[in-house]
């Protein structure tokens, strides 16, 4: 069984390039290095109308819910605060948890 922690983010257009670079070069690896996830996938969300900017999706994969909960309870507050410290309110995040069947 696999558990996927899916995070969709939409940065404001004026920070989009820096935000995506930060995700790719720092944040995603920092999340994976917590040991709670085994792998990740990073996507740009395809949309018909991108006039108000683009969205991105990161899927962090783990093997059981206890590892996901370890991330949420122990690591997530610090990870989220780092993003807010660096980019303030210039991005929005939507999070879901998926279970493979």
Protein backbone atom coordinates (compact mmCIF):
# COMPACT_ATOMS: atom_id res chain seq x y z
CA UNK A 1 0.00 0.00 0.00
CA UNK A 2 1.20 3.49 -0.72
CA UNK A 3 0.17 6.76 0.85
CA UNK A 4 0.57 9.97 -1.17
CA UNK A 5 0.70 13.36 0.49
CA UNK A 6 -0.28 15.68 -2.34
CA UNK A 7 0.44 19.40 -2.06
CA UNK A 8 -0.79 21.78 -4.77
CA UNK A 9 0.66 25.28 -4.61
CA UNK A 10 -0.13 28.44 -6.51
CA UNK A 11 2.50 31.16 -6.15
CA UNK A 12 1.77 34.76 -7.10
CA UNK A 13 3.17 35.53 -10.55
CA UNK A 14 5.77 37.98 -9.25
CA UNK A 15 7.48 35.25 -7.19
CA UNK A 16 6.69 32.20 -9.34
CA UNK A 17 10.18 31.69 -10.77
CA UNK A 18 11.89 32.06 -7.37
CA UNK A 19 9.26 29.90 -5.67
CA UNK A 20 9.63 27.02 -8.14
CA UNK A 21 13.43 27.23 -7.87
CA UNK A 22 13.15 27.08 -4.07
CA UNK A 23 10.85 24.05 -4.31
CA UNK A 24 13.23 22.23 -6.66
CA UNK A 25 16.51 23.15 -4.99
CA UNK A 26 15.60 23.22 -1.30
CA UNK A 27 12.13 22.48 -0.02
CA UNK A 28 11.25 19.16 -1.66
CA UNK A 29 14.57 17.58 -0.71
CA UNK A 30 14.24 18.89 2.83
CA UNK A 31 10.80 17.25 3.15
CA UNK A 32 12.08 13.94 1.76
CA UNK A 33 15.15 14.07 4.03
CA UNK A 34 12.88 13.92 7.11
CA UNK A 35 12.74 10.17 6.46
CA UNK A 36 8.95 10.19 6.36
CA UNK A 37 8.75 9.80 2.58
CA UNK A 38 10.46 7.44 0.15
CA UNK A 39 9.97 9.34 -3.08
CA UNK A 40 8.29 12.33 -4.66
CA UNK A 41 6.92 13.53 -7.98
CA UNK A 42 6.77 17.17 -9.06
CA UNK A 43 4.28 18.43 -11.64
CA UNK A 44 3.10 21.63 -13.25
CA UNK A 45 -0.69 21.64 -13.30
CA UNK A 46 -2.01 22.05 -16.83
CA UNK A 47 -4.76 24.61 -17.14
CA UNK A 48 -6.56 26.18 -20.08
CA UNK A 49 -6.22 29.66 -18.63
CA UNK A 50 -2.98 30.58 -16.89
CA UNK A 51 -3.43 34.35 -17.02
CA UNK A 52 -3.45 34.51 -13.22
CA UNK A 53 -0.40 32.22 -12.90
CA UNK A 54 0.46 28.57 -12.73
CA UNK A 55 -0.05 25.88 -10.11
CA UNK A 56 2.32 23.07 -9.16
CA UNK A 57 1.77 19.74 -7.46
CA UNK A 58 4.21 17.77 -5.35
CA UNK A 59 3.34 14.19 -4.42
CA UNK A 60 5.31 12.74 -1.53
CA UNK A 61 5.08 8.94 -1.31
CA UNK A 62 5.31 6.86 1.86
CA UNK A 63 4.44 3.32 2.88
CA UNK A 64 2.08 3.83 5.80
CA UNK A 65 -0.01 6.40 7.62
CA UNK A 66 2.22 6.46 10.70
CA UNK A 67 5.07 7.92 8.66
CA UNK A 68 2.72 10.51 7.18
CA UNK A 69 1.51 11.43 10.68
CA UNK A 70 5.12 11.70 11.87
CA UNK A 71 5.69 14.25 9.13
CA UNK A 72 2.50 16.21 9.90
CA UNK A 73 3.04 16.25 13.68
CA UNK A 74 6.82 16.64 13.88
CA UNK A 75 8.12 18.25 10.68
CA UNK A 76 5.28 20.04 8.85
CA UNK A 77 5.04 23.09 11.13
CA UNK A 78 8.71 23.97 10.54
CA UNK A 79 8.52 23.27 6.79
CA UNK A 80 5.43 25.44 6.41
CA UNK A 81 6.94 28.26 8.46
CA UNK A 82 10.03 28.30 6.22
CA UNK A 83 7.85 28.87 3.16
CA UNK A 84 5.89 31.62 4.91
CA UNK A 85 9.10 33.25 6.14
CA UNK A 86 10.58 33.30 2.65
CA UNK A 87 7.47 34.15 0.58
CA UNK A 88 4.92 35.51 3.06
CA UNK A 89 1.34 35.32 1.85
CA UNK A 90 2.35 35.25 -1.85
CA UNK A 91 1.36 31.61 -2.37
CA UNK A 92 -1.53 29.33 -1.53
CA UNK A 93 -1.33 25.62 -0.75
CA UNK A 94 -3.96 22.89 -0.90
CA UNK A 95 -3.14 19.54 0.68
CA UNK A 96 -4.74 16.09 0.32
CA UNK A 97 -3.80 12.57 1.36
CA UNK A 98 -4.34 9.68 -1.04
CA UNK A 99 -4.28 5.93 -0.45
CA UNK A 100 -3.26 3.56 -3.22
CA UNK A 101 -5.67 0.69 -3.89
